[in-house]
Amino acid sequence: MKKSVGEIEMEYLLRAEGYEFKQEFKFHPDRKWRFDFAWPEEKIAIEVEGGLFSQGRHTRGRGYIGDMQKYNAAVCLGWRVLRYGTAQINGNVLQDILQIRSLERKL
């Protein structure tokens, strides 16, 4: 499967900061759903949403509903899913990951 510009940028950002992660990680036992980036041991995932301004799959009815089903199933399985559009891929991603990890340490 060809990577989107956003996925390439996210991969570059995470690798530049030394993050190790799984790509295209299948998280659901029955469905073929995958996360773009995942840390399975911590149940943290990142999804890069493409086509937000070009009427891509994620913004049309059927695709949007499918995404909601996927993300709701992930939450029911204990995952924390961070979602970003391509324009949002910056240092805030790293801060979000650190915030989740620090919250987990406090529990």
PDB file of N, CA and C in Angstrom:
ATOM      1  N   MET A   1       0.840  -1.177   0.000  1.00  0.00           N
ATOM      2  CA  MET A   1       0.000   0.000   0.000  1.00  0.00           C
ATOM      3  C   MET A   1       0.890   1.246   0.000  1.00  0.00           C
ATOM      4  N   LYS A   2       0.572   2.181  -0.841  1.00  0.00           N
ATOM      5  CA  LYS A   2       1.356   3.409  -0.962  1.00  0.00           C
ATOM      6  C   LYS A   2       1.066   4.338   0.213  1.00  0.00           C
ATOM      7  N   LYS A   3       2.117   4.906   0.784  1.00  0.00           N
ATOM      8  CA  LYS A   3       1.964   5.828   1.907  1.00  0.00           C
ATOM      9  C   LYS A   3       1.555   7.207   1.410  1.00  0.00           C
ATOM     10  N   SER A   4       0.736   7.866   2.211  1.00  0.00           N
ATOM     11  CA  SER A   4       0.342   9.242   1.906  1.00  0.00           C
ATOM     12  C   SER A   4       1.472  10.187   2.313  1.00  0.00           C
ATOM     13  N   VAL A   5       1.377  11.426   1.850  1.00  0.00           N
ATOM     14  CA  VAL A   5       2.352  12.441   2.244  1.00  0.00           C
ATOM     15  C   VAL A   5       2.358  12.586   3.760  1.00  0.00           C
ATOM     16  N   GLY A   6       1.180  12.610   4.364  1.00  0.00           N
ATOM     17  CA  GLY A   6       1.084  12.743   5.815  1.00  0.00           C
ATOM     18  C   GLY A   6       1.743  11.599   6.554  1.00  0.00           C
ATOM     19  N   GLU A   7       1.560  10.381   6.060  1.00  0.00           N
ATOM     20  CA  GLU A   7       2.187   9.222   6.697  1.00  0.00           C
ATOM     21  C   GLU A   7       3.707   9.283   6.579  1.00  0.00           C
ATOM     22  N   ILE A   8       4.196   9.727   5.438  1.00  0.00           N
ATOM     23  CA  ILE A   8       5.642   9.870   5.253  1.00  0.00           C
ATOM     24  C   ILE A   8       6.188  10.928   6.215  1.00  0.00           C
ATOM     25  N   GLU A   9       5.484  12.056   6.331  1.00  0.00           N
ATOM     26  CA  GLU A   9       5.924  13.118   7.234  1.00  0.00           C
ATOM     27  C   GLU A   9       5.890  12.654   8.690  1.00  0.00           C
ATOM     28  N   MET A  10       4.840  11.920   9.065  1.00  0.00           N
ATOM     29  CA  MET A  10       4.728  11.430  10.440  1.00  0.00           C
ATOM     30  C   MET A  10       5.859  10.436  10.741  1.00  0.00           C
ATOM     31  N   GLU A  11       6.102   9.549   9.805  1.00  0.00           N
ATOM     32  CA  GLU A  11       7.186   8.572   9.996  1.00  0.00           C
ATOM     33  C   GLU A  11       8.523   9.295  10.186  1.00  0.00           C
ATOM     34  N   TYR A  12       8.778  10.292   9.360  1.00  0.00           N
ATOM     35  CA  TYR A  12      10.024  11.055   9.456  1.00  0.00           C
ATOM     36  C   TYR A  12      10.130  11.742  10.820  1.00  0.00           C
ATOM     37  N   LEU A  13       9.061  12.382  11.267  1.00  0.00           N
ATOM     38  CA  LEU A  13       9.050  13.068  12.550  1.00  0.00           C
ATOM     39  C   LEU A  13       9.332  12.102  13.695  1.00  0.00           C
ATOM     40  N   LEU A  14       8.630  10.976  13.710  1.00  0.00           N
ATOM     41  CA  LEU A  14       8.795  10.015  14.800  1.00  0.00           C
ATOM     42  C   LEU A  14      10.192   9.401  14.804  1.00  0.00           C
ATOM     43  N   ARG A  15      10.693   9.050  13.622  1.00  0.00           N
ATOM     44  CA  ARG A  15      12.042   8.469  13.543  1.00  0.00           C
ATOM     45  C   ARG A  15      13.106   9.493  13.941  1.00  0.00           C
ATOM     46  N   ALA A  16      12.928  10.752  13.535  1.00  0.00           N
ATOM     47  CA  ALA A  16      13.893  11.798  13.878  1.00  0.00           C
ATOM     48  C   ALA A  16      14.002  11.981  15.389  1.00  0.00           C
ATOM     49  N   GLU A  17      12.916  11.708  16.103  1.00  0.00           N
ATOM     50  CA  GLU A  17      12.918  11.823  17.562  1.00  0.00           C
ATOM     51  C   GLU A  17      13.273  10.512  18.250  1.00  0.00           C
ATOM     52  N   GLY A  18      13.587   9.488  17.459  1.00  0.00           N
ATOM     53  CA  GLY A  18      14.024   8.213  18.023  1.00  0.00           C
ATOM     54  C   GLY A  18      12.916   7.279  18.488  1.00  0.00           C
ATOM     55  N   TYR A  19      11.692   7.556  18.065  1.00  0.00           N
ATOM     56  CA  TYR A  19      10.583   6.681  18.447  1.00  0.00           C
ATOM     57  C   TYR A  19      10.619   5.385  17.652  1.00  0.00           C
ATOM     58  N   GLU A  20      10.422   4.291  18.340  1.00  0.00           N
ATOM     59  CA  GLU A  20      10.226   2.998  17.678  1.00  0.00           C
ATOM     60  C   GLU A  20       8.727   2.722  17.691  1.00  0.00           C
ATOM     61  N   PHE A  21       8.203   2.224  16.596  1.00  0.00           N
ATOM     62  CA  PHE A  21       6.762   2.037  16.471  1.00  0.00           C
ATOM     63  C   PHE A  21       6.481   0.949  15.454  1.00  0.00           C
ATOM     64  N   LYS A  22       5.257   0.507  15.428  1.00  0.00           N
ATOM     65  CA  LYS A  22       4.779  -0.443  14.415  1.00  0.00           C
ATOM     66  C   LYS A  22       3.963   0.361  13.413  1.00  0.00           C
ATOM     67  N   GLN A  23       4.121   0.021  12.140  1.00  0.00           N
ATOM     68  CA  GLN A  23       3.305   0.651  11.100  1.00  0.00           C
ATOM     69  C   GLN A  23       2.304  -0.365  10.577  1.00  0.00           C
ATOM     70  N   GLU A  24       1.150   0.155  10.173  1.00  0.00           N
ATOM     71  CA  GLU A  24       0.074  -0.696   9.657  1.00  0.00           C
ATOM     72  C   GLU A  24      -0.201  -1.854  10.618  1.00  0.00           C
ATOM     73  N   PHE A  25      -0.357  -1.494  11.890  1.00  0.00           N
ATOM     74  CA  PHE A  25      -0.549  -2.492  12.941  1.00  0.00           C
ATOM     75  C   PHE A  25      -2.012  -2.925  13.019  1.00  0.00           C
ATOM     76  N   LYS A  26      -2.248  -4.221  12.862  1.00  0.00           N
ATOM     77  CA  LYS A  26      -3.604  -4.774  12.950  1.00  0.00           C
ATOM     78  C   LYS A  26      -3.954  -4.929  14.430  1.00  0.00           C
ATOM     79  N   PHE A  27      -4.909  -4.144  14.895  1.00  0.00           N
ATOM     80  CA  PHE A  27      -5.222  -4.104  16.319  1.00  0.00           C
ATOM     81  C   PHE A  27      -6.454  -4.901  16.717  1.00  0.00           C
ATOM     82  N   HIS A  28      -7.308  -5.206  15.778  1.00  0.00           N
ATOM     83  CA  HIS A  28      -8.584  -5.851  16.111  1.00  0.00           C
ATOM     84  C   HIS A  28      -8.508  -7.351  15.837  1.00  0.00           C
ATOM     85  N   PRO A  29      -9.034  -8.172  16.751  1.00  0.00           N
ATOM     86  CA  PRO A  29      -8.925  -9.616  16.551  1.00  0.00           C
ATOM     87  C   PRO A  29      -9.752 -10.171  15.389  1.00  0.00           C
ATOM     88  N   ASP A  30     -10.848  -9.495  15.038  1.00  0.00           N
ATOM     89  CA  ASP A  30     -11.748 -10.030  14.009  1.00  0.00           C
ATOM     90  C   ASP A  30     -11.770  -9.220  12.713  1.00  0.00           C
ATOM     91  N   ARG A  31     -11.568  -7.926  12.811  1.00  0.00           N
ATOM     92  CA  ARG A  31     -11.624  -7.052  11.647  1.00  0.00           C
ATOM     93  C   ARG A  31     -10.228  -6.848  11.075  1.00  0.00           C
ATOM     94  N   LYS A  32     -10.144  -6.344   9.864  1.00  0.00           N
ATOM     95  CA  LYS A  32      -8.856  -6.098   9.213  1.00  0.00           C
ATOM     96  C   LYS A  32      -8.317  -4.694   9.488  1.00  0.00           C
ATOM     97  N   TRP A  33      -8.906  -4.012  10.449  1.00  0.00           N
ATOM     98  CA  TRP A  33      -8.516  -2.642  10.762  1.00  0.00           C
ATOM     99  C   TRP A  33      -7.061  -2.562  11.194  1.00  0.00           C
ATOM    100  N   ARG A  34      -6.406  -1.502  10.742  1.00  0.00           N
ATOM    101  CA  ARG A  34      -5.010  -1.257  11.097  1.00  0.00           C
ATOM    102  C   ARG A  34      -4.834   0.201  11.510  1.00  0.00           C
ATOM    103  N   PHE A  35      -3.829   0.418  12.358  1.00  0.00           N
ATOM    104  CA  PHE A  35      -3.434   1.780  12.708  1.00  0.00           C
ATOM    105  C   PHE A  35      -2.243   2.165  11.857  1.00  0.00           C
ATOM    106  N   ASP A  36      -2.143   3.436  11.485  1.00  0.00           N
ATOM    107  CA  ASP A  36      -0.991   3.911  10.720  1.00  0.00           C
ATOM    108  C   ASP A  36       0.296   3.734  11.524  1.00  0.00           C
ATOM    109  N   PHE A  37       0.258   4.108  12.800  1.00  0.00           N
ATOM    110  CA  PHE A  37       1.411   3.993  13.700  1.00  0.00           C
ATOM    111  C   PHE A  37       0.897   3.519  15.050  1.00  0.00           C
ATOM    112  N   ALA A  38       1.621   2.616  15.687  1.00  0.00           N
ATOM    113  CA  ALA A  38       1.135   2.089  16.965  1.00  0.00           C
ATOM    114  C   ALA A  38       2.282   1.687  17.880  1.00  0.00           C
ATOM    115  N   TRP A  39       1.967   1.779  19.171  1.00  0.00           N
ATOM    116  CA  TRP A  39       2.804   1.257  20.232  1.00  0.00           C
ATOM    117  C   TRP A  39       1.918   0.255  20.971  1.00  0.00           C
ATOM    118  N   PRO A  40       1.904  -1.005  20.491  1.00  0.00           N
ATOM    119  CA  PRO A  40       0.965  -2.005  21.020  1.00  0.00           C
ATOM    120  C   PRO A  40       1.075  -2.236  22.527  1.00  0.00           C
ATOM    121  N   GLU A  41       2.292  -2.224  23.054  1.00  0.00           N
ATOM    122  CA  GLU A  41       2.457  -2.487  24.482  1.00  0.00           C
ATOM    123  C   GLU A  41       1.828  -1.403  25.347  1.00  0.00           C
ATOM    124  N   GLU A  42       1.705  -0.211  24.810  1.00  0.00           N
ATOM    125  CA  GLU A  42       1.077   0.894  25.537  1.00  0.00           C
ATOM    126  C   GLU A  42      -0.340   1.179  25.053  1.00  0.00           C
ATOM    127  N   LYS A  43      -0.729   0.530  23.994  1.00  0.00           N
ATOM    128  CA  LYS A  43      -2.034   0.752  23.368  1.00  0.00           C
ATOM    129  C   LYS A  43      -2.242   2.223  22.999  1.00  0.00           C
ATOM    130  N   ILE A  44      -1.217   2.792  22.365  1.00  0.00           N
ATOM    131  CA  ILE A  44      -1.288   4.148  21.824  1.00  0.00           C
ATOM    132  C   ILE A  44      -1.188   4.035  20.313  1.00  0.00           C
ATOM    133  N   ALA A  45      -2.053   4.743  19.603  1.00  0.00           N
ATOM    134  CA  ALA A  45      -2.043   4.688  18.140  1.00  0.00           C
ATOM    135  C   ALA A  45      -2.153   6.089  17.553  1.00  0.00           C
ATOM    136  N   ILE A  46      -1.607   6.232  16.348  1.00  0.00           N
ATOM    137  CA  ILE A  46      -1.740   7.473  15.586  1.00  0.00           C
ATOM    138  C   ILE A  46      -2.340   7.136  14.233  1.00  0.00           C
ATOM    139  N   GLU A  47      -3.328   7.939  13.860  1.00  0.00           N
ATOM    140  CA  GLU A  47      -3.927   7.839  12.540  1.00  0.00           C
ATOM    141  C   GLU A  47      -3.715   9.170  11.828  1.00  0.00           C
ATOM    142  N   VAL A  48      -3.237   9.101  10.607  1.00  0.00           N
ATOM    143  CA  VAL A  48      -3.080  10.297   9.777  1.00  0.00           C
ATOM    144  C   VAL A  48      -4.263  10.322   8.817  1.00  0.00           C
ATOM    145  N   GLU A  49      -5.088  11.337   8.962  1.00  0.00           N
ATOM    146  CA  GLU A  49      -6.302  11.449   8.160  1.00  0.00           C
ATOM    147  C   GLU A  49      -6.007  12.248   6.896  1.00  0.00           C
ATOM    148  N   GLY A  50      -6.155  11.628   5.776  1.00  0.00           N
ATOM    149  CA  GLY A  50      -5.882  12.298   4.507  1.00  0.00           C
ATOM    150  C   GLY A  50      -7.147  12.774   3.821  1.00  0.00           C
ATOM    151  N   GLY A  51      -6.971  13.611   2.836  1.00  0.00           N
ATOM    152  CA  GLY A  51      -8.085  14.065   2.003  1.00  0.00           C
ATOM    153  C   GLY A  51      -9.097  14.929   2.723  1.00  0.00           C
ATOM    154  N   LEU A  52      -8.671  15.622   3.764  1.00  0.00           N
ATOM    155  CA  LEU A  52      -9.622  16.407   4.551  1.00  0.00           C
ATOM    156  C   LEU A  52     -10.236  17.567   3.772  1.00  0.00           C
ATOM    157  N   PHE A  53      -9.498  18.119   2.836  1.00  0.00           N
ATOM    158  CA  PHE A  53     -10.001  19.275   2.084  1.00  0.00           C
ATOM    159  C   PHE A  53     -10.289  18.947   0.623  1.00  0.00           C
ATOM    160  N   SER A  54     -10.160  17.696   0.271  1.00  0.00           N
ATOM    161  CA  SER A  54     -10.380  17.312  -1.127  1.00  0.00           C
ATOM    162  C   SER A  54     -11.503  16.286  -1.266  1.00  0.00           C
ATOM    163  N   GLN A  55     -12.373  16.245  -0.255  1.00  0.00           N
ATOM    164  CA  GLN A  55     -13.479  15.275  -0.258  1.00  0.00           C
ATOM    165  C   GLN A  55     -12.971  13.843  -0.361  1.00  0.00           C
ATOM    166  N   GLY A  56     -11.894  13.562   0.375  1.00  0.00           N
ATOM    167  CA  GLY A  56     -11.343  12.207   0.423  1.00  0.00           C
ATOM    168  C   GLY A  56     -12.242  11.269   1.209  1.00  0.00           C
ATOM    169  N   ARG A  57     -11.853  10.032   1.293  1.00  0.00           N
ATOM    170  CA  ARG A  57     -12.647   8.990   1.923  1.00  0.00           C
ATOM    171  C   ARG A  57     -13.028   9.330   3.361  1.00  0.00           C
ATOM    172  N   HIS A  58     -12.135   9.948   4.098  1.00  0.00           N
ATOM    173  CA  HIS A  58     -12.382  10.208   5.514  1.00  0.00           C
ATOM    174  C   HIS A  58     -13.429  11.283   5.751  1.00  0.00           C
ATOM    175  N   THR A  59     -13.805  12.038   4.732  1.00  0.00           N
ATOM    176  CA  THR A  59     -14.757  13.134   4.931  1.00  0.00           C
ATOM    177  C   THR A  59     -16.115  12.884   4.293  1.00  0.00           C
ATOM    178  N   ARG A  60     -16.243  11.810   3.566  1.00  0.00           N
ATOM    179  CA  ARG A  60     -17.546  11.467   2.981  1.00  0.00           C
ATOM    180  C   ARG A  60     -18.292  10.529   3.917  1.00  0.00           C
ATOM    181  N   GLY A  61     -19.603  10.527   3.850  1.00  0.00           N
ATOM    182  CA  GLY A  61     -20.452   9.794   4.775  1.00  0.00           C
ATOM    183  C   GLY A  61     -20.023   8.381   5.099  1.00  0.00           C
ATOM    184  N   ARG A  62     -19.936   7.548   4.111  1.00  0.00           N
ATOM    185  CA  ARG A  62     -19.617   6.130   4.345  1.00  0.00           C
ATOM    186  C   ARG A  62     -18.238   5.959   4.983  1.00  0.00           C
ATOM    187  N   GLY A  63     -17.253   6.666   4.476  1.00  0.00           N
ATOM    188  CA  GLY A  63     -15.908   6.573   5.029  1.00  0.00           C
ATOM    189  C   GLY A  63     -15.829   7.110   6.444  1.00  0.00           C
ATOM    190  N   TYR A  64     -16.537   8.197   6.697  1.00  0.00           N
ATOM    191  CA  TYR A  64     -16.540   8.805   8.024  1.00  0.00           C
ATOM    192  C   TYR A  64     -17.174   7.858   9.036  1.00  0.00           C
ATOM    193  N   ILE A  65     -18.290   7.246   8.657  1.00  0.00           N
ATOM    194  CA  ILE A  65     -18.954   6.279   9.540  1.00  0.00           C
ATOM    195  C   ILE A  65     -18.044   5.081   9.796  1.00  0.00           C
ATOM    196  N   GLY A  66     -17.370   4.603   8.752  1.00  0.00           N
ATOM    197  CA  GLY A  66     -16.432   3.493   8.919  1.00  0.00           C
ATOM    198  C   GLY A  66     -15.300   3.839   9.881  1.00  0.00           C
ATOM    199  N   ASP A  67     -14.809   5.064   9.777  1.00  0.00           N
ATOM    200  CA  ASP A  67     -13.755   5.505  10.704  1.00  0.00           C
ATOM    201  C   ASP A  67     -14.280   5.552  12.134  1.00  0.00           C
ATOM    202  N   MET A  68     -15.506   6.039  12.323  1.00  0.00           N
ATOM    203  CA  MET A  68     -16.072   6.085  13.667  1.00  0.00           C
ATOM    204  C   MET A  68     -16.189   4.677  14.255  1.00  0.00           C
ATOM    205  N   GLN A  69     -16.628   3.716  13.442  1.00  0.00           N
ATOM    206  CA  GLN A  69     -16.719   2.335  13.918  1.00  0.00           C
ATOM    207  C   GLN A  69     -15.347   1.817  14.343  1.00  0.00           C
ATOM    208  N   LYS A  70     -14.358   2.076  13.523  1.00  0.00           N
ATOM    209  CA  LYS A  70     -12.986   1.630  13.815  1.00  0.00           C
ATOM    210  C   LYS A  70     -12.483   2.254  15.116  1.00  0.00           C
ATOM    211  N   TYR A  71     -12.621   3.568  15.258  1.00  0.00           N
ATOM    212  CA  TYR A  71     -12.093   4.241  16.437  1.00  0.00           C
ATOM    213  C   TYR A  71     -12.870   3.871  17.696  1.00  0.00           C
ATOM    214  N   ASN A  72     -14.166   3.692  17.596  1.00  0.00           N
ATOM    215  CA  ASN A  72     -14.951   3.252  18.751  1.00  0.00           C
ATOM    216  C   ASN A  72     -14.544   1.846  19.178  1.00  0.00           C
ATOM    217  N   ALA A  73     -14.333   0.961  18.226  1.00  0.00           N
ATOM    218  CA  ALA A  73     -13.880  -0.394  18.552  1.00  0.00           C
ATOM    219  C   ALA A  73     -12.518  -0.352  19.231  1.00  0.00           C
ATOM    220  N   ALA A  74     -11.645   0.520  18.755  1.00  0.00           N
ATOM    221  CA  ALA A  74     -10.318   0.645  19.359  1.00  0.00           C
ATOM    222  C   ALA A  74     -10.421   1.096  20.814  1.00  0.00           C
ATOM    223  N   VAL A  75     -11.269   2.089  21.076  1.00  0.00           N
ATOM    224  CA  VAL A  75     -11.448   2.569  22.446  1.00  0.00           C
ATOM    225  C   VAL A  75     -12.006   1.454  23.326  1.00  0.00           C
ATOM    226  N   CYS A  76     -12.952   0.692  22.809  1.00  0.00           N
ATOM    227  CA  CYS A  76     -13.519  -0.428  23.575  1.00  0.00           C
ATOM    228  C   CYS A  76     -12.462  -1.476  23.914  1.00  0.00           C
ATOM    229  N   LEU A  77     -11.423  -1.559  23.100  1.00  0.00           N
ATOM    230  CA  LEU A  77     -10.320  -2.495  23.351  1.00  0.00           C
ATOM    231  C   LEU A  77      -9.200  -1.862  24.181  1.00  0.00           C
ATOM    232  N   GLY A  78      -9.411  -0.622  24.629  1.00  0.00           N
ATOM    233  CA  GLY A  78      -8.454   0.023  25.516  1.00  0.00           C
ATOM    234  C   GLY A  78      -7.390   0.877  24.846  1.00  0.00           C
ATOM    235  N   TRP A  79      -7.552   1.164  23.553  1.00  0.00           N
ATOM    236  CA  TRP A  79      -6.572   1.973  22.823  1.00  0.00           C
ATOM    237  C   TRP A  79      -6.842   3.452  23.005  1.00  0.00           C
ATOM    238  N   ARG A  80      -5.768   4.260  22.983  1.00  0.00           N
ATOM    239  CA  ARG A  80      -5.855   5.714  22.894  1.00  0.00           C
ATOM    240  C   ARG A  80      -5.398   6.071  21.489  1.00  0.00           C
ATOM    241  N   VAL A  81      -6.290   6.690  20.729  1.00  0.00           N
ATOM    242  CA  VAL A  81      -6.022   6.982  19.321  1.00  0.00           C
ATOM    243  C   VAL A  81      -5.893   8.490  19.123  1.00  0.00           C
ATOM    244  N   LEU A  82      -4.727   8.893  18.611  1.00  0.00           N
ATOM    245  CA  LEU A  82      -4.484  10.288  18.258  1.00  0.00           C
ATOM    246  C   LEU A  82      -4.664  10.420  16.757  1.00  0.00           C
ATOM    247  N   ARG A  83      -5.436  11.431  16.332  1.00  0.00           N
ATOM    248  CA  ARG A  83      -5.735  11.620  14.917  1.00  0.00           C
ATOM    249  C   ARG A  83      -5.214  12.973  14.461  1.00  0.00           C
ATOM    250  N   TYR A  84      -4.539  12.970  13.309  1.00  0.00           N
ATOM    251  CA  TYR A  84      -3.963  14.195  12.784  1.00  0.00           C
ATOM    252  C   TYR A  84      -4.201  14.304  11.291  1.00  0.00           C
ATOM    253  N   GLY A  85      -4.470  15.515  10.840  1.00  0.00           N
ATOM    254  CA  GLY A  85      -4.430  15.813   9.422  1.00  0.00           C
ATOM    255  C   GLY A  85      -2.983  16.126   9.061  1.00  0.00           C
ATOM    256  N   THR A  86      -2.668  16.096   7.792  1.00  0.00           N
ATOM    257  CA  THR A  86      -1.293  16.322   7.351  1.00  0.00           C
ATOM    258  C   THR A  86      -0.745  17.652   7.863  1.00  0.00           C
ATOM    259  N   ALA A  87      -1.558  18.690   7.871  1.00  0.00           N
ATOM    260  CA  ALA A  87      -1.096  20.005   8.308  1.00  0.00           C
ATOM    261  C   ALA A  87      -0.791  20.057   9.805  1.00  0.00           C
ATOM    262  N   GLN A  88      -1.217  19.072  10.560  1.00  0.00           N
ATOM    263  CA  GLN A  88      -1.002  19.044  12.003  1.00  0.00           C
ATOM    264  C   GLN A  88       0.246  18.283  12.420  1.00  0.00           C
ATOM    265  N   ILE A  89       0.989  17.767  11.481  1.00  0.00           N
ATOM    266  CA  ILE A  89       2.150  16.945  11.822  1.00  0.00           C
ATOM    267  C   ILE A  89       3.320  17.873  12.143  1.00  0.00           C
ATOM    268  N   ASN A  90       3.545  18.033  13.452  1.00  0.00           N
ATOM    269  CA  ASN A  90       4.597  18.913  13.953  1.00  0.00           C
ATOM    270  C   ASN A  90       4.951  18.478  15.372  1.00  0.00           C
ATOM    271  N   GLY A  91       5.641  19.316  16.083  1.00  0.00           N
ATOM    272  CA  GLY A  91       6.069  18.988  17.438  1.00  0.00           C
ATOM    273  C   GLY A  91       4.935  18.715  18.406  1.00  0.00           C
ATOM    274  N   ASN A  92       3.732  19.187  18.104  1.00  0.00           N
ATOM    275  CA  ASN A  92       2.592  18.902  18.978  1.00  0.00           C
ATOM    276  C   ASN A  92       2.294  17.409  19.057  1.00  0.00           C
ATOM    277  N   VAL A  93       2.572  16.684  17.998  1.00  0.00           N
ATOM    278  CA  VAL A  93       2.384  15.228  18.005  1.00  0.00           C
ATOM    279  C   VAL A  93       3.235  14.630  19.123  1.00  0.00           C
ATOM    280  N   LEU A  94       4.481  15.041  19.194  1.00  0.00           N
ATOM    281  CA  LEU A  94       5.398  14.514  20.197  1.00  0.00           C
ATOM    282  C   LEU A  94       4.934  14.871  21.598  1.00  0.00           C
ATOM    283  N   GLN A  95       4.436  16.083  21.771  1.00  0.00           N
ATOM    284  CA  GLN A  95       3.915  16.501  23.077  1.00  0.00           C
ATOM    285  C   GLN A  95       2.703  15.672  23.477  1.00  0.00           C
ATOM    286  N   ASP A  96       1.842  15.363  22.521  1.00  0.00           N
ATOM    287  CA  ASP A  96       0.654  14.545  22.810  1.00  0.00           C
ATOM    288  C   ASP A  96       1.053  13.146  23.274  1.00  0.00           C
ATOM    289  N   ILE A  97       2.019  12.545  22.601  1.00  0.00           N
ATOM    290  CA  ILE A  97       2.485  11.210  22.988  1.00  0.00           C
ATOM    291  C   ILE A  97       3.070  11.249  24.402  1.00  0.00           C
ATOM    292  N   LEU A  98       3.902  12.238  24.669  1.00  0.00           N
ATOM    293  CA  LEU A  98       4.503  12.363  26.000  1.00  0.00           C
ATOM    294  C   LEU A  98       3.436  12.572  27.067  1.00  0.00           C
ATOM    295  N   GLN A  99       2.406  13.345  26.747  1.00  0.00           N
ATOM    296  CA  GLN A  99       1.335  13.581  27.719  1.00  0.00           C
ATOM    297  C   GLN A  99       0.608  12.282  28.048  1.00  0.00           C
ATOM    298  N   ILE A 100       0.297  11.485  27.058  1.00  0.00           N
ATOM    299  CA  ILE A 100      -0.369  10.201  27.315  1.00  0.00           C
ATOM    300  C   ILE A 100       0.518   9.317  28.167  1.00  0.00           C
ATOM    301  N   ARG A 101       1.790   9.246  27.824  1.00  0.00           N
ATOM    302  CA  ARG A 101       2.713   8.399  28.594  1.00  0.00           C
ATOM    303  C   ARG A 101       2.846   8.889  30.031  1.00  0.00           C
ATOM    304  N   SER A 102       2.873  10.183  30.259  1.00  0.00           N
ATOM    305  CA  SER A 102       3.002  10.688  31.624  1.00  0.00           C
ATOM    306  C   SER A 102       1.717  10.435  32.426  1.00  0.00           C
ATOM    307  N   LEU A 103       0.558  10.533  31.784  1.00  0.00           N
ATOM    308  CA  LEU A 103      -0.696  10.216  32.463  1.00  0.00           C
ATOM    309  C   LEU A 103      -0.731   8.750  32.883  1.00  0.00           C
ATOM    310  N   GLU A 104      -0.222   7.894  32.004  1.00  0.00           N
ATOM    311  CA  GLU A 104      -0.201   6.466  32.292  1.00  0.00           C
ATOM    312  C   GLU A 104       0.667   6.172  33.510  1.00  0.00           C
ATOM    313  N   ARG A 105       1.786   6.872  33.640  1.00  0.00           N
ATOM    314  CA  ARG A 105       2.681   6.654  34.783  1.00  0.00           C
ATOM    315  C   ARG A 105       2.019   7.075  36.092  1.00  0.00           C
ATOM    316  N   LYS A 106       1.112   8.052  36.021  1.00  0.00           N
ATOM    317  CA  LYS A 106       0.436   8.532  37.225  1.00  0.00           C
ATOM    318  C   LYS A 106      -0.656   7.586  37.702  1.00  0.00           C
ATOM    319  N   LEU A 107      -1.140   6.720  36.803  1.00  0.00           N
ATOM    320  CA  LEU A 107      -2.245   5.811  37.186  1.00  0.00           C
ATOM    321  C   LEU A 107      -1.790   4.666  38.030  1.00  0.00           C
TER     322      LEU A 107
END
